[in-house]
C-alpha atoms as a PDB file:
ATOM      1  CA  MET A   1       0.000   0.000   0.000  1.00  0.00           C
ATOM      2  CA  HIS A   2       2.901   2.322   0.759  1.00  0.00           C
ATOM      3  CA  TYR A   3       4.255   1.957  -2.790  1.00  0.00           C
ATOM      4  CA  PHE A   4       0.832   2.843  -4.212  1.00  0.00           C
ATOM      5  CA  PHE A   5      -0.469   5.563  -1.899  1.00  0.00           C
ATOM      6  CA  LYS A   6       2.774   7.544  -1.482  1.00  0.00           C
ATOM      7  CA  PRO A   7       3.078   8.540  -5.161  1.00  0.00           C
ATOM      8  CA  LEU A   8      -0.711   8.775  -5.490  1.00  0.00           C
ATOM      9  CA  SER A   9      -0.811  11.403  -2.721  1.00  0.00           C
ATOM     10  CA  THR A  10       1.727  13.543  -4.565  1.00  0.00           C
ATOM     11  CA  ILE A  11      -0.124  13.078  -7.855  1.00  0.00           C
ATOM     12  CA  LEU A  12      -3.295  14.393  -6.180  1.00  0.00           C
ATOM     13  CA  VAL A  13      -1.351  17.466  -4.993  1.00  0.00           C
ATOM     14  CA  ILE A  14      -0.057  18.008  -8.549  1.00  0.00           C
ATOM     15  CA  LEU A  15      -3.635  17.925  -9.828  1.00  0.00           C
ATOM     16  CA  LEU A  16      -4.671  20.895  -7.641  1.00  0.00           C
ATOM     17  CA  PRO A  17      -3.174  23.570  -9.947  1.00  0.00           C
ATOM     18  CA  VAL A  18      -4.164  21.613 -13.041  1.00  0.00           C
ATOM     19  CA  LEU A  19      -7.828  21.459 -12.033  1.00  0.00           C
ATOM     20  CA  PHE A  20      -8.370  24.604  -9.971  1.00  0.00           C
ATOM     21  CA  ALA A  21      -5.836  27.319 -10.864  1.00  0.00           C
ATOM     22  CA  LYS A  22      -7.943  29.392 -13.253  1.00  0.00           C
ATOM     23  CA  ASN A  23      -5.863  32.568 -13.109  1.00  0.00           C
ATOM     24  CA  ALA A  24      -3.736  33.741 -15.996  1.00  0.00           C
ATOM     25  CA  LEU A  25      -0.454  33.437 -14.113  1.00  0.00           C
ATOM     26  CA  GLN A  26       0.862  30.750 -16.411  1.00  0.00           C
ATOM     27  CA  PRO A  27       4.657  31.063 -15.903  1.00  0.00           C
ATOM     28  CA  TYR A  28       4.441  30.643 -12.127  1.00  0.00           C
ATOM     29  CA  LYS A  29       1.926  27.804 -12.384  1.00  0.00           C
ATOM     30  CA  LYS A  30       4.014  25.930 -14.974  1.00  0.00           C
ATOM     31  CA  ILE A  31       7.224  26.188 -12.978  1.00  0.00           C
ATOM     32  CA  ILE A  32       5.503  25.033  -9.777  1.00  0.00           C
ATOM     33  CA  LEU A  33       3.940  22.093 -11.639  1.00  0.00           C
ATOM     34  CA  ILE A  34       7.318  20.986 -13.004  1.00  0.00           C
ATOM     35  CA  GLY A  35       8.829  21.331  -9.530  1.00  0.00           C
ATOM     36  CA  LEU A  36       6.045  19.171  -8.085  1.00  0.00           C
ATOM     37  CA  VAL A  37       6.662  16.534 -10.757  1.00  0.00           C
ATOM     38  CA  PHE A  38      10.294  16.362  -9.627  1.00  0.00           C
ATOM     39  CA  CYS A  39       9.012  15.946  -6.057  1.00  0.00           C
ATOM     40  CA  LEU A  40       6.990  12.988  -7.341  1.00  0.00           C
ATOM     41  CA  PHE A  41      10.152  11.509  -8.867  1.00  0.00           C
ATOM     42  CA  GLY A  42      11.887  12.067  -5.529  1.00  0.00           C
ATOM     43  CA  ASP A  43       9.060  10.302  -3.691  1.00  0.00           C
ATOM     44  CA  VAL A  44       9.382   7.248  -5.915  1.00  0.00           C
ATOM     45  CA  PHE A  45      13.191   7.105  -5.683  1.00  0.00           C
ATOM     46  CA  LEU A  46      13.165   7.484  -1.884  1.00  0.00           C
ATOM     47  CA  MET A  47      10.968   4.420  -1.543  1.00  0.00           C
ATOM     48  CA  PHE A  48      14.055   2.384  -2.473  1.00  0.00           C
ATOM     49  CA  ASP A  49      17.242   2.810  -0.417  1.00  0.00           C
ATOM     50  CA  ALA A  50      19.433   2.045  -3.430  1.00  0.00           C
ATOM     51  CA  TYR A  51      18.076   5.123  -5.224  1.00  0.00           C
ATOM     52  CA  PHE A  52      18.454   7.630  -2.376  1.00  0.00           C
ATOM     53  CA  VAL A  53      20.887   9.811  -4.362  1.00  0.00           C
ATOM     54  CA  PHE A  54      18.421  10.003  -7.255  1.00  0.00           C
ATOM     55  CA  GLY A  55      15.703  11.017  -4.816  1.00  0.00           C
ATOM     56  CA  LEU A  56      17.970  13.698  -3.380  1.00  0.00           C
ATOM     57  CA  ALA A  57      18.774  14.961  -6.886  1.00  0.00           C
ATOM     58  CA  SER A  58      15.087  15.027  -7.856  1.00  0.00           C
ATOM     59  CA  PHE A  59      14.154  17.109  -4.828  1.00  0.00           C
ATOM     60  CA  LEU A  60      17.169  19.357  -5.428  1.00  0.00           C
ATOM     61  CA  ILE A  61      15.896  20.112  -8.944  1.00  0.00           C
ATOM     62  CA  GLY A  62      12.406  20.638  -7.518  1.00  0.00           C
ATOM     63  CA  HIS A  63      13.731  23.183  -5.019  1.00  0.00           C
ATOM     64  CA  ILE A  64      15.690  25.005  -7.725  1.00  0.00           C
ATOM     65  CA  LEU A  65      12.469  25.276  -9.746  1.00  0.00           C
ATOM     66  CA  PHE A  66      10.588  26.526  -6.674  1.00  0.00           C
ATOM     67  CA  ILE A  67      13.282  29.176  -6.113  1.00  0.00           C
ATOM     68  CA  TYR A  68      12.888  30.278  -9.718  1.00  0.00           C
ATOM     69  CA  ALA A  69       9.095  30.348  -9.389  1.00  0.00           C
ATOM     70  CA  PHE A  70       9.203  32.384  -6.174  1.00  0.00           C
ATOM     71  CA  THR A  71      11.510  34.942  -7.783  1.00  0.00           C
ATOM     72  CA  THR A  72       9.198  35.533 -10.759  1.00  0.00           C
ATOM     73  CA  PHE A  73       7.358  38.236  -8.794  1.00  0.00           C
ATOM     74  CA  ASN A  74      10.025  40.442  -7.252  1.00  0.00           C
ATOM     75  CA  GLY A  75      13.315  38.989  -8.443  1.00  0.00           C
ATOM     76  CA  PHE A  76      15.855  37.308  -6.156  1.00  0.00           C
ATOM     77  CA  THR A  77      15.509  39.342  -2.979  1.00  0.00           C
ATOM     78  CA  THR A  78      18.299  39.800  -0.465  1.00  0.00           C
ATOM     79  CA  ASN A  79      16.445  40.779   2.697  1.00  0.00           C
ATOM     80  CA  VAL A  80      18.863  39.412   5.319  1.00  0.00           C
ATOM     81  CA  LYS A  81      16.511  39.388   8.327  1.00  0.00           C
ATOM     82  CA  PRO A  82      14.962  35.974   7.572  1.00  0.00           C
ATOM     83  CA  LEU A  83      18.326  34.658   6.351  1.00  0.00           C
ATOM     84  CA  LEU A  84      20.014  34.620   9.775  1.00  0.00           C
ATOM     85  CA  PRO A  85      17.680  32.058  11.424  1.00  0.00           C
ATOM     86  CA  LEU A  86      17.821  29.938   8.261  1.00  0.00           C
ATOM     87  CA  VAL A  87      21.622  29.943   8.334  1.00  0.00           C
ATOM     88  CA  ILE A  88      21.557  28.948  12.013  1.00  0.00           C
ATOM     89  CA  ILE A  89      19.152  26.087  11.222  1.00  0.00           C
ATOM     90  CA  SER A  90      21.382  25.002   8.305  1.00  0.00           C
ATOM     91  CA  VAL A  91      24.515  24.968  10.447  1.00  0.00           C
ATOM     92  CA  LEU A  92      22.751  23.015  13.208  1.00  0.00           C
ATOM     93  CA  MET A  93      21.386  20.486  10.700  1.00  0.00           C
ATOM     94  CA  PHE A  94      24.788  20.005   9.128  1.00  0.00           C
ATOM     95  CA  SER A  95      26.615  19.743  12.452  1.00  0.00           C
ATOM     96  CA  VAL A  96      24.257  16.962  13.555  1.00  0.00           C
ATOM     97  CA  LEU A  97      24.534  15.076  10.252  1.00  0.00           C
ATOM     98  CA  LYS A  98      28.138  15.619   9.107  1.00  0.00           C
ATOM     99  CA  ASP A  99      29.771  12.663  10.854  1.00  0.00           C
ATOM    100  CA  HIS A 100      27.166  10.266   9.448  1.00  0.00           C
ATOM    101  CA  LEU A 101      27.103  11.270   5.779  1.00  0.00           C
ATOM    102  CA  GLY A 102      30.123   9.442   4.363  1.00  0.00           C
ATOM    103  CA  GLY A 103      30.223   9.837   0.592  1.00  0.00           C
ATOM    104  CA  LEU A 104      27.060  11.949   0.614  1.00  0.00           C
ATOM    105  CA  LEU A 105      28.721  14.892   2.374  1.00  0.00           C
ATOM    106  CA  ILE A 106      28.876  17.182  -0.685  1.00  0.00           C
ATOM    107  CA  PRO A 107      25.387  16.294  -2.047  1.00  0.00           C
ATOM    108  CA  VAL A 108      23.841  16.936   1.381  1.00  0.00           C
ATOM    109  CA  ILE A 109      25.655  20.286   1.713  1.00  0.00           C
ATOM    110  CA  LEU A 110      24.286  21.295  -1.702  1.00  0.00           C
ATOM    111  CA  TYR A 111      20.807  20.128  -0.745  1.00  0.00           C
ATOM    112  CA  ILE A 112      20.762  21.969   2.599  1.00  0.00           C
ATOM    113  CA  THR A 113      21.996  25.134   0.865  1.00  0.00           C
ATOM    114  CA  CYS A 114      19.338  24.862  -1.827  1.00  0.00           C
ATOM    115  CA  ILE A 115      16.402  24.230   0.500  1.00  0.00           C
ATOM    116  CA  MET A 116      17.461  27.141   2.707  1.00  0.00           C
ATOM    117  CA  LEU A 117      17.660  29.423  -0.340  1.00  0.00           C
ATOM    118  CA  MET A 118      14.195  28.225  -1.334  1.00  0.00           C
ATOM    119  CA  ALA A 119      12.799  28.998   2.122  1.00  0.00           C
ATOM    120  CA  TRP A 120      14.594  32.372   2.174  1.00  0.00           C
ATOM    121  CA  GLN A 121      13.012  33.440  -1.117  1.00  0.00           C
ATOM    122  CA  ALA A 122       9.606  32.119  -0.023  1.00  0.00           C
ATOM    123  CA  ILE A 123       9.698  34.098   3.229  1.00  0.00           C
ATOM    124  CA  ASN A 124      11.022  37.191   1.439  1.00  0.00           C
ATOM    125  CA  LEU A 125       8.114  36.955  -0.986  1.00  0.00           C
ATOM    126  CA  TYR A 126       5.638  37.150   1.893  1.00  0.00           C
ATOM    127  CA  LEU A 127       7.561  39.976   3.568  1.00  0.00           C
ATOM    128  CA  TRP A 128       7.517  41.879   0.260  1.00  0.00           C
ATOM    129  CA  LYS A 129       3.742  41.558  -0.158  1.00  0.00           C
ATOM    130  CA  LYS A 130       1.608  40.054   2.588  1.00  0.00           C
ATOM    131  CA  GLU A 131      -0.871  38.244   0.371  1.00  0.00           C
ATOM    132  CA  TYR A 132      -2.566  34.974   1.307  1.00  0.00           C
ATOM    133  CA  ALA A 133      -0.890  33.022  -1.510  1.00  0.00           C
ATOM    134  CA  PHE A 134       2.547  34.235  -0.433  1.00  0.00           C
ATOM    135  CA  LEU A 135       1.781  33.190   3.143  1.00  0.00           C
ATOM    136  CA  LEU A 136       0.981  29.685   1.866  1.00  0.00           C
ATOM    137  CA  ILE A 137       4.334  29.648   0.060  1.00  0.00           C
ATOM    138  CA  ALA A 138       6.274  30.782   3.147  1.00  0.00           C
ATOM    139  CA  ILE A 139       4.599  28.219   5.431  1.00  0.00           C
ATOM    140  CA  GLY A 140       5.020  25.474   2.833  1.00  0.00           C
ATOM    141  CA  ALA A 141       8.736  26.159   2.408  1.00  0.00           C
ATOM    142  CA  THR A 142       9.242  26.190   6.184  1.00  0.00           C
ATOM    143  CA  LEU A 143       7.443  22.858   6.545  1.00  0.00           C
ATOM    144  CA  PHE A 144       9.673  21.450   3.800  1.00  0.00           C
ATOM    145  CA  ILE A 145      12.732  22.228   5.946  1.00  0.00           C
ATOM    146  CA  PHE A 146      11.212  20.480   8.950  1.00  0.00           C
ATOM    147  CA  SER A 147      10.233  17.446   6.886  1.00  0.00           C
ATOM    148  CA  ASP A 148      13.681  17.106   5.328  1.00  0.00           C
ATOM    149  CA  ALA A 149      15.439  17.592   8.664  1.00  0.00           C
ATOM    150  CA  VAL A 150      13.463  14.725  10.223  1.00  0.00           C
ATOM    151  CA  LEU A 151      13.962  12.566   7.130  1.00  0.00           C
ATOM    152  CA  ALA A 152      17.732  13.169   7.226  1.00  0.00           C
ATOM    153  CA  TYR A 153      17.920  12.400  10.947  1.00  0.00           C
ATOM    154  CA  ARG A 154      15.955   9.189  10.421  1.00  0.00           C
ATOM    155  CA  LYS A 155      18.060   8.187   7.398  1.00  0.00           C
ATOM    156  CA  PHE A 156      21.539   8.962   8.697  1.00  0.00           C
ATOM    157  CA  ILE A 157      21.357   8.844  12.489  1.00  0.00           C
ATOM    158  CA  SER A 158      18.420   7.020  14.049  1.00  0.00           C
ATOM    159  CA  ASN A 159      14.861   6.079  13.246  1.00  0.00           C
ATOM    160  CA  PHE A 160      12.221   6.758  15.897  1.00  0.00           C
ATOM    161  CA  THR A 161       8.592   5.862  16.394  1.00  0.00           C
ATOM    162  CA  ILE A 162       6.831   8.866  14.851  1.00  0.00           C
ATOM    163  CA  ALA A 163       9.531   9.807  12.321  1.00  0.00           C
ATOM    164  CA  GLN A 164       7.577   8.636   9.265  1.00  0.00           C
ATOM    165  CA  PHE A 165       4.427  10.409  10.463  1.00  0.00           C
ATOM    166  CA  LEU A 166       6.357  13.674  10.959  1.00  0.00           C
ATOM    167  CA  VAL A 167       8.078  13.406   7.579  1.00  0.00           C
ATOM    168  CA  SER A 168       4.915  12.550   5.645  1.00  0.00           C
ATOM    169  CA  SER A 169       2.551  14.998   7.347  1.00  0.00           C
ATOM    170  CA  THR A 170       4.874  17.994   7.007  1.00  0.00           C
ATOM    171  CA  TYR A 171       6.023  17.074   3.495  1.00  0.00           C
ATOM    172  CA  TRP A 172       2.531  16.717   2.038  1.00  0.00           C
ATOM    173  CA  SER A 173       1.396  19.829   3.894  1.00  0.00           C
ATOM    174  CA  ALA A 174       4.362  21.683   2.368  1.00  0.00           C
ATOM    175  CA  ILE A 175       3.729  20.682  -1.238  1.00  0.00           C
ATOM    176  CA  THR A 176      -0.025  21.128  -0.828  1.00  0.00           C
ATOM    177  CA  LEU A 177       0.418  24.721   0.374  1.00  0.00           C
ATOM    178  CA  ILE A 178       2.866  25.500  -2.437  1.00  0.00           C
ATOM    179  CA  SER A 179       0.468  23.892  -4.915  1.00  0.00           C
ATOM    180  CA  LEU A 180      -2.505  25.855  -3.534  1.00  0.00           C
ATOM    181  CA  SER A 181      -0.587  29.109  -3.986  1.00  0.00           C
ATOM    182  CA  THR A 182      -1.192  28.771  -7.729  1.00  0.00           C
ATOM    183  CA  ILE A 183      -4.922  29.013  -7.051  1.00  0.00           C
ATOM    184  CA  TYR A 184      -4.857  31.999  -4.690  1.00  0.00           C
ATOM    185  CA  ILE A 185      -2.098  34.063  -6.295  1.00  0.00           C
ATOM    186  CA  ASN A 186      -3.098  37.623  -7.217  1.00  0.00           C
ATOM    187  CA  GLY A 187       0.173  39.194  -8.312  1.00  0.00           C
ATOM    188  CA  LYS A 188       1.652  39.477 -11.750  1.00  0.00           C
ATOM    189  CA  SER A 189       4.694  37.479 -12.749  1.00  0.00           C
ATOM    190  CA  LYS A 190       7.525  39.507 -14.273  1.00  0.00           C
ATOM    191  CA  ARG A 191       8.967  36.677 -16.325  1.00  0.00           C
ATOM    192  CA  ASP A 192       7.842  34.605 -19.257  1.00  0.00           C
ATOM    193  CA  PHE A 193       8.320  30.868 -19.051  1.00  0.00           C
END
């Protein structure tokens, strides 16, 4: 059931913008959809331990696409206030994981850097314009960090009773909120896809 319902859940999240995003903000919607498809690839790869690196790479590409999507409204913003706590979280995550990563040290550093940049741009977007859709994006990106932190701890250090529940609930909440942002967005994108 796990192998069926895990990808199905992500497919249902992907369908939200396809079925309900009626606005004309096509570039943002398209980029988010492609990013969510890479999350689906990541979901499938992570179901098999042998393909963990491919799962990591899929989510990395997804996060890069999310960063690009979030910067379609106001460019890449450099407001440093939300960056400081994200850097602290990144350093703490890495310090806990570093002795357990082995050959995955560099890929995990790249991944942590990318997800923090994604969260930074998501939070900056909400700080720039406090719209409901941007709030969904900021909360979704923050939940993504929490989900990945628990997943990494479970994978590299120690599994614990509610780890899978925490990973799954925060991950699907994260992608659902990011997906829903395509429905509630009001702003104009500055870039063409």
